[in-house]
Amino acid sequence: MIAAFLAACASKHVAGAEQPAPPVAVELEGVKESSALEPSPAEGVATTEAVLTPEEILNGKNLYEGHCANCHKLFKPTDFTQKEWTPILVRMQKKARLDDSQMATITNYISSELNK
């Protein structure tokens, strides 16, 4: 994607090529610049989180149930908030001997359940 962006920019600087007009700033009354382009998190729309496929969620659930139930009862993802889950997952990763990829999969599963 970056390469495509650089290629597009580079093509504008070819000798003899016509330069596009600079963008014109337009003020819209009562509209903030950032809110006109994308919804804010306050509106309940996550702007930085990737969308997980059902398969990714199922993989996370299977890892969670398969590893965590070996040592203790399983908690529902909704038993804790995302903020409460963070230190729990960090602590349990080492005890359960999970690599970073497995832990990310479990974390994504829990987050997807909290965001339903």
N, C-alpha and C. Protein backbone atom coordinates (compact mmCIF):
# COMPACT_ATOMS: atom_id res chain seq x y z
N MET A 1 0.83 -1.19 0.00
CA MET A 1 0.00 0.00 0.00
C MET A 1 0.87 1.25 0.00
N ILE A 2 1.95 1.23 0.79
CA ILE A 2 2.85 2.38 0.84
C ILE A 2 3.51 2.56 -0.52
N ALA A 3 3.89 1.44 -1.14
CA ALA A 3 4.54 1.51 -2.45
C ALA A 3 3.61 2.17 -3.47
N ALA A 4 2.32 1.81 -3.41
CA ALA A 4 1.35 2.41 -4.33
C ALA A 4 1.22 3.90 -4.09
N PHE A 5 1.24 4.30 -2.83
CA PHE A 5 1.16 5.72 -2.49
C PHE A 5 2.38 6.46 -3.01
N LEU A 6 3.57 5.89 -2.80
CA LEU A 6 4.79 6.54 -3.26
C LEU A 6 4.83 6.62 -4.78
N ALA A 7 4.37 5.56 -5.44
CA ALA A 7 4.34 5.58 -6.90
C ALA A 7 3.39 6.65 -7.41
N ALA A 8 2.25 6.80 -6.75
CA ALA A 8 1.29 7.82 -7.15
C ALA A 8 1.86 9.21 -6.96
N CYS A 9 2.56 9.40 -5.85
CA CYS A 9 3.17 10.70 -5.58
C CYS A 9 4.30 10.99 -6.55
N ALA A 10 5.10 9.97 -6.86
CA ALA A 10 6.25 10.15 -7.74
C ALA A 10 5.79 10.53 -9.14
N SER A 11 4.67 9.98 -9.59
CA SER A 11 4.20 10.28 -10.94
C SER A 11 3.78 11.74 -11.08
N LYS A 12 3.51 12.41 -9.99
CA LYS A 12 3.12 13.82 -10.04
C LYS A 12 4.32 14.74 -10.22
N HIS A 13 5.52 14.22 -9.97
CA HIS A 13 6.72 15.05 -10.02
C HIS A 13 7.56 14.79 -11.26
N VAL A 14 6.99 14.21 -12.29
CA VAL A 14 7.70 13.96 -13.52
C VAL A 14 7.86 15.29 -14.26
N ALA A 15 9.08 15.51 -14.82
CA ALA A 15 9.35 16.76 -15.53
C ALA A 15 8.35 16.95 -16.66
N GLY A 16 7.80 18.13 -16.74
CA GLY A 16 6.85 18.46 -17.78
C GLY A 16 5.41 18.05 -17.47
N ALA A 17 5.23 17.32 -16.39
CA ALA A 17 3.87 16.91 -16.03
C ALA A 17 3.12 18.08 -15.44
N GLU A 18 1.85 18.11 -15.70
CA GLU A 18 1.03 19.18 -15.19
C GLU A 18 0.78 18.98 -13.70
N GLN A 19 0.99 19.99 -12.90
CA GLN A 19 0.80 19.91 -11.46
C GLN A 19 -0.65 20.19 -11.12
N PRO A 20 -1.26 19.36 -10.26
CA PRO A 20 -2.64 19.62 -9.86
C PRO A 20 -2.72 20.86 -8.97
N ALA A 21 -3.87 21.47 -8.97
CA ALA A 21 -4.08 22.65 -8.13
C ALA A 21 -4.04 22.22 -6.67
N PRO A 22 -3.49 23.08 -5.79
CA PRO A 22 -3.46 22.73 -4.37
C PRO A 22 -4.88 22.63 -3.81
N PRO A 23 -5.06 21.80 -2.78
CA PRO A 23 -6.39 21.68 -2.20
C PRO A 23 -6.85 22.99 -1.58
N VAL A 24 -8.13 23.23 -1.62
CA VAL A 24 -8.70 24.43 -1.06
C VAL A 24 -9.39 24.08 0.26
N ALA A 25 -9.07 24.82 1.30
CA ALA A 25 -9.69 24.58 2.60
C ALA A 25 -11.12 25.09 2.57
N VAL A 26 -12.03 24.26 3.01
CA VAL A 26 -13.44 24.62 3.06
C VAL A 26 -13.91 24.45 4.49
N GLU A 27 -14.53 25.47 5.02
CA GLU A 27 -15.05 25.38 6.37
C GLU A 27 -16.55 25.10 6.31
N LEU A 28 -16.95 24.07 7.03
CA LEU A 28 -18.37 23.75 7.11
C LEU A 28 -18.87 24.20 8.47
N GLU A 29 -19.90 24.97 8.46
CA GLU A 29 -20.42 25.51 9.71
C GLU A 29 -20.97 24.40 10.60
N GLY A 30 -20.48 24.35 11.84
CA GLY A 30 -20.97 23.39 12.83
C GLY A 30 -20.43 21.98 12.68
N VAL A 31 -19.45 21.76 11.79
CA VAL A 31 -18.89 20.43 11.60
C VAL A 31 -17.41 20.47 11.90
N LYS A 32 -16.98 19.61 12.81
CA LYS A 32 -15.56 19.52 13.10
C LYS A 32 -14.87 18.82 11.95
N GLU A 33 -13.62 19.20 11.70
CA GLU A 33 -12.89 18.62 10.58
C GLU A 33 -12.78 17.10 10.69
N SER A 34 -12.41 16.59 11.86
CA SER A 34 -12.21 15.15 12.00
C SER A 34 -13.52 14.37 11.96
N SER A 35 -14.58 14.92 12.50
CA SER A 35 -15.83 14.17 12.54
C SER A 35 -16.47 14.08 11.16
N ALA A 36 -16.11 14.97 10.25
CA ALA A 36 -16.67 14.91 8.92
C ALA A 36 -16.07 13.74 8.13
N LEU A 37 -14.86 13.31 8.51
CA LEU A 37 -14.20 12.25 7.77
C LEU A 37 -14.43 10.87 8.34
N GLU A 38 -14.43 10.75 9.65
CA GLU A 38 -14.63 9.45 10.27
C GLU A 38 -15.33 9.60 11.60
N PRO A 39 -16.13 8.61 11.99
CA PRO A 39 -16.83 8.69 13.27
C PRO A 39 -15.84 8.63 14.42
N SER A 40 -16.18 9.29 15.49
CA SER A 40 -15.31 9.27 16.65
C SER A 40 -15.63 8.06 17.51
N PRO A 41 -14.66 7.59 18.34
CA PRO A 41 -14.94 6.47 19.22
C PRO A 41 -16.12 6.72 20.15
N ALA A 42 -16.38 7.98 20.47
CA ALA A 42 -17.50 8.31 21.34
C ALA A 42 -18.84 7.94 20.70
N GLU A 43 -18.85 7.83 19.38
CA GLU A 43 -20.07 7.44 18.68
C GLU A 43 -20.23 5.93 18.62
N GLY A 44 -19.33 5.19 19.28
CA GLY A 44 -19.45 3.75 19.35
C GLY A 44 -18.87 3.01 18.16
N VAL A 45 -18.04 3.66 17.37
CA VAL A 45 -17.44 3.02 16.22
C VAL A 45 -15.94 2.96 16.43
N ALA A 46 -15.40 1.76 16.43
CA ALA A 46 -13.96 1.60 16.58
C ALA A 46 -13.30 1.92 15.25
N THR A 47 -12.27 2.75 15.27
CA THR A 47 -11.63 3.16 14.03
C THR A 47 -10.29 2.48 13.82
N THR A 48 -9.71 1.83 14.84
CA THR A 48 -8.39 1.25 14.68
C THR A 48 -8.38 -0.27 14.81
N GLU A 49 -9.49 -0.87 15.17
CA GLU A 49 -9.51 -2.30 15.37
C GLU A 49 -9.80 -3.02 14.06
N ALA A 50 -9.09 -4.13 13.86
CA ALA A 50 -9.33 -4.94 12.68
C ALA A 50 -10.60 -5.76 12.88
N VAL A 51 -11.27 -6.04 11.79
CA VAL A 51 -12.46 -6.87 11.84
C VAL A 51 -12.01 -8.32 11.79
N LEU A 52 -12.47 -9.11 12.76
CA LEU A 52 -12.08 -10.51 12.84
C LEU A 52 -13.06 -11.38 12.07
N THR A 53 -12.52 -12.41 11.43
CA THR A 53 -13.38 -13.37 10.75
C THR A 53 -13.95 -14.33 11.78
N PRO A 54 -15.06 -14.99 11.45
CA PRO A 54 -15.61 -16.00 12.37
C PRO A 54 -14.58 -17.09 12.70
N GLU A 55 -13.74 -17.43 11.73
CA GLU A 55 -12.71 -18.45 11.95
C GLU A 55 -11.69 -17.99 12.99
N GLU A 56 -11.27 -16.72 12.91
CA GLU A 56 -10.32 -16.18 13.89
C GLU A 56 -10.92 -16.17 15.29
N ILE A 57 -12.18 -15.82 15.38
CA ILE A 57 -12.86 -15.81 16.68
C ILE A 57 -12.96 -17.23 17.24
N LEU A 58 -13.31 -18.18 16.37
CA LEU A 58 -13.41 -19.58 16.80
C LEU A 58 -12.04 -20.12 17.25
N ASN A 59 -10.98 -19.76 16.52
CA ASN A 59 -9.63 -20.18 16.92
C ASN A 59 -9.29 -19.63 18.30
N GLY A 60 -9.62 -18.37 18.56
CA GLY A 60 -9.36 -17.77 19.87
C GLY A 60 -10.16 -18.45 20.97
N LYS A 61 -11.41 -18.77 20.67
CA LYS A 61 -12.25 -19.44 21.66
C LYS A 61 -11.69 -20.83 21.97
N ASN A 62 -11.28 -21.56 20.93
CA ASN A 62 -10.71 -22.89 21.14
C ASN A 62 -9.42 -22.84 21.95
N LEU A 63 -8.56 -21.88 21.66
CA LEU A 63 -7.33 -21.72 22.44
C LEU A 63 -7.65 -21.38 23.89
N TYR A 64 -8.58 -20.46 24.08
CA TYR A 64 -8.97 -20.05 25.43
C TYR A 64 -9.50 -21.24 26.22
N GLU A 65 -10.45 -21.95 25.61
CA GLU A 65 -11.05 -23.08 26.31
C GLU A 65 -10.06 -24.22 26.50
N GLY A 66 -9.22 -24.46 25.50
CA GLY A 66 -8.27 -25.56 25.57
C GLY A 66 -7.14 -25.36 26.55
N HIS A 67 -6.62 -24.14 26.65
CA HIS A 67 -5.48 -23.89 27.53
C HIS A 67 -5.90 -23.46 28.94
N CYS A 68 -6.85 -22.59 29.02
CA CYS A 68 -7.19 -22.01 30.32
C CYS A 68 -7.94 -23.00 31.22
N ALA A 69 -8.75 -23.85 30.61
CA ALA A 69 -9.52 -24.81 31.40
C ALA A 69 -8.65 -25.92 31.97
N ASN A 70 -7.41 -26.03 31.51
CA ASN A 70 -6.50 -27.04 32.05
C ASN A 70 -6.17 -26.78 33.52
N CYS A 71 -6.20 -25.52 33.93
CA CYS A 71 -5.77 -25.18 35.29
C CYS A 71 -6.88 -24.66 36.19
N HIS A 72 -7.90 -24.07 35.62
CA HIS A 72 -8.97 -23.47 36.45
C HIS A 72 -10.27 -23.40 35.67
N LYS A 73 -11.34 -23.04 36.38
CA LYS A 73 -12.63 -22.88 35.70
C LYS A 73 -12.55 -21.74 34.69
N LEU A 74 -13.30 -21.86 33.65
CA LEU A 74 -13.31 -20.81 32.63
C LEU A 74 -14.24 -19.68 33.05
N PHE A 75 -13.76 -18.49 32.87
CA PHE A 75 -14.59 -17.31 33.08
C PHE A 75 -15.16 -16.90 31.73
N LYS A 76 -16.37 -16.38 31.75
CA LYS A 76 -16.94 -15.84 30.52
C LYS A 76 -16.19 -14.56 30.19
N PRO A 77 -15.97 -14.28 28.91
CA PRO A 77 -15.31 -13.04 28.55
C PRO A 77 -15.98 -11.81 29.15
N THR A 78 -17.29 -11.88 29.34
CA THR A 78 -18.03 -10.73 29.87
C THR A 78 -17.97 -10.64 31.40
N ASP A 79 -17.27 -11.58 32.04
CA ASP A 79 -17.12 -11.51 33.50
C ASP A 79 -16.23 -10.35 33.93
N PHE A 80 -15.39 -9.87 33.00
CA PHE A 80 -14.48 -8.78 33.30
C PHE A 80 -14.53 -7.76 32.17
N THR A 81 -14.08 -6.55 32.46
CA THR A 81 -13.97 -5.52 31.42
C THR A 81 -12.66 -5.73 30.67
N GLN A 82 -12.51 -5.04 29.54
CA GLN A 82 -11.26 -5.13 28.78
C GLN A 82 -10.08 -4.69 29.65
N LYS A 83 -10.30 -3.65 30.43
CA LYS A 83 -9.23 -3.15 31.30
C LYS A 83 -8.85 -4.19 32.36
N GLU A 84 -9.83 -4.93 32.88
CA GLU A 84 -9.55 -5.97 33.86
C GLU A 84 -8.89 -7.20 33.22
N TRP A 85 -9.26 -7.50 31.98
CA TRP A 85 -8.69 -8.66 31.29
C TRP A 85 -7.21 -8.47 31.00
N THR A 86 -6.78 -7.27 30.70
CA THR A 86 -5.40 -7.04 30.27
C THR A 86 -4.36 -7.62 31.23
N PRO A 87 -4.36 -7.27 32.52
CA PRO A 87 -3.34 -7.86 33.41
C PRO A 87 -3.55 -9.36 33.63
N ILE A 88 -4.79 -9.81 33.57
CA ILE A 88 -5.05 -11.25 33.73
C ILE A 88 -4.39 -12.02 32.59
N LEU A 89 -4.60 -11.56 31.37
CA LEU A 89 -4.04 -12.24 30.21
C LEU A 89 -2.52 -12.19 30.20
N VAL A 90 -1.96 -11.06 30.59
CA VAL A 90 -0.50 -10.94 30.65
C VAL A 90 0.07 -11.95 31.64
N ARG A 91 -0.55 -12.04 32.79
CA ARG A 91 -0.09 -12.96 33.84
C ARG A 91 -0.26 -14.42 33.41
N MET A 92 -1.37 -14.73 32.78
CA MET A 92 -1.67 -16.11 32.40
C MET A 92 -0.85 -16.58 31.20
N GLN A 93 -0.41 -15.67 30.35
CA GLN A 93 0.36 -16.07 29.17
C GLN A 93 1.59 -16.88 29.57
N LYS A 94 2.31 -16.40 30.55
CA LYS A 94 3.53 -17.09 30.98
C LYS A 94 3.19 -18.43 31.64
N LYS A 95 2.18 -18.43 32.51
CA LYS A 95 1.80 -19.67 33.20
C LYS A 95 1.29 -20.74 32.24
N ALA A 96 0.56 -20.32 31.22
CA ALA A 96 -0.01 -21.27 30.26
C ALA A 96 0.97 -21.61 29.13
N ARG A 97 2.13 -20.95 29.14
CA ARG A 97 3.16 -21.16 28.11
C ARG A 97 2.60 -20.92 26.70
N LEU A 98 1.96 -19.77 26.55
CA LEU A 98 1.40 -19.37 25.26
C LEU A 98 2.34 -18.39 24.58
N ASP A 99 2.56 -18.55 23.27
CA ASP A 99 3.39 -17.58 22.57
C ASP A 99 2.55 -16.32 22.26
N ASP A 100 3.22 -15.31 21.76
CA ASP A 100 2.54 -14.03 21.52
C ASP A 100 1.40 -14.16 20.51
N SER A 101 1.58 -14.99 19.50
CA SER A 101 0.54 -15.18 18.49
C SER A 101 -0.70 -15.83 19.11
N GLN A 102 -0.49 -16.85 19.92
CA GLN A 102 -1.62 -17.50 20.58
C GLN A 102 -2.32 -16.53 21.53
N MET A 103 -1.52 -15.76 22.24
CA MET A 103 -2.11 -14.81 23.19
C MET A 103 -2.91 -13.74 22.46
N ALA A 104 -2.42 -13.28 21.32
CA ALA A 104 -3.16 -12.29 20.53
C ALA A 104 -4.49 -12.87 20.05
N THR A 105 -4.48 -14.14 19.67
CA THR A 105 -5.71 -14.79 19.21
C THR A 105 -6.73 -14.87 20.34
N ILE A 106 -6.27 -15.23 21.53
CA ILE A 106 -7.17 -15.30 22.70
C ILE A 106 -7.68 -13.91 23.05
N THR A 107 -6.79 -12.93 23.05
CA THR A 107 -7.17 -11.56 23.37
C THR A 107 -8.21 -11.04 22.38
N ASN A 108 -8.01 -11.33 21.10
CA ASN A 108 -8.97 -10.90 20.07
C ASN A 108 -10.33 -11.56 20.29
N TYR A 109 -10.33 -12.83 20.68
CA TYR A 109 -11.59 -13.53 20.95
C TYR A 109 -12.32 -12.84 22.11
N ILE A 110 -11.60 -12.60 23.20
CA ILE A 110 -12.23 -11.97 24.37
C ILE A 110 -12.76 -10.58 24.01
N SER A 111 -11.96 -9.81 23.30
CA SER A 111 -12.39 -8.46 22.89
C SER A 111 -13.63 -8.52 22.00
N SER A 112 -13.68 -9.52 21.10
CA SER A 112 -14.85 -9.62 20.22
C SER A 112 -16.11 -9.94 21.00
N GLU A 113 -15.98 -10.71 22.07
CA GLU A 113 -17.13 -11.03 22.91
C GLU A 113 -17.58 -9.81 23.71
N LEU A 114 -16.64 -8.99 24.12
CA LEU A 114 -16.98 -7.79 24.89
C LEU A 114 -17.62 -6.73 24.01
N ASN A 115 -17.32 -6.73 22.73
CA ASN A 115 -17.84 -5.71 21.82
C ASN A 115 -19.14 -6.10 21.14
N LYS A 116 -19.75 -7.19 21.57
CA LYS A 116 -21.02 -7.61 20.95
C LYS A 116 -22.15 -6.71 21.39
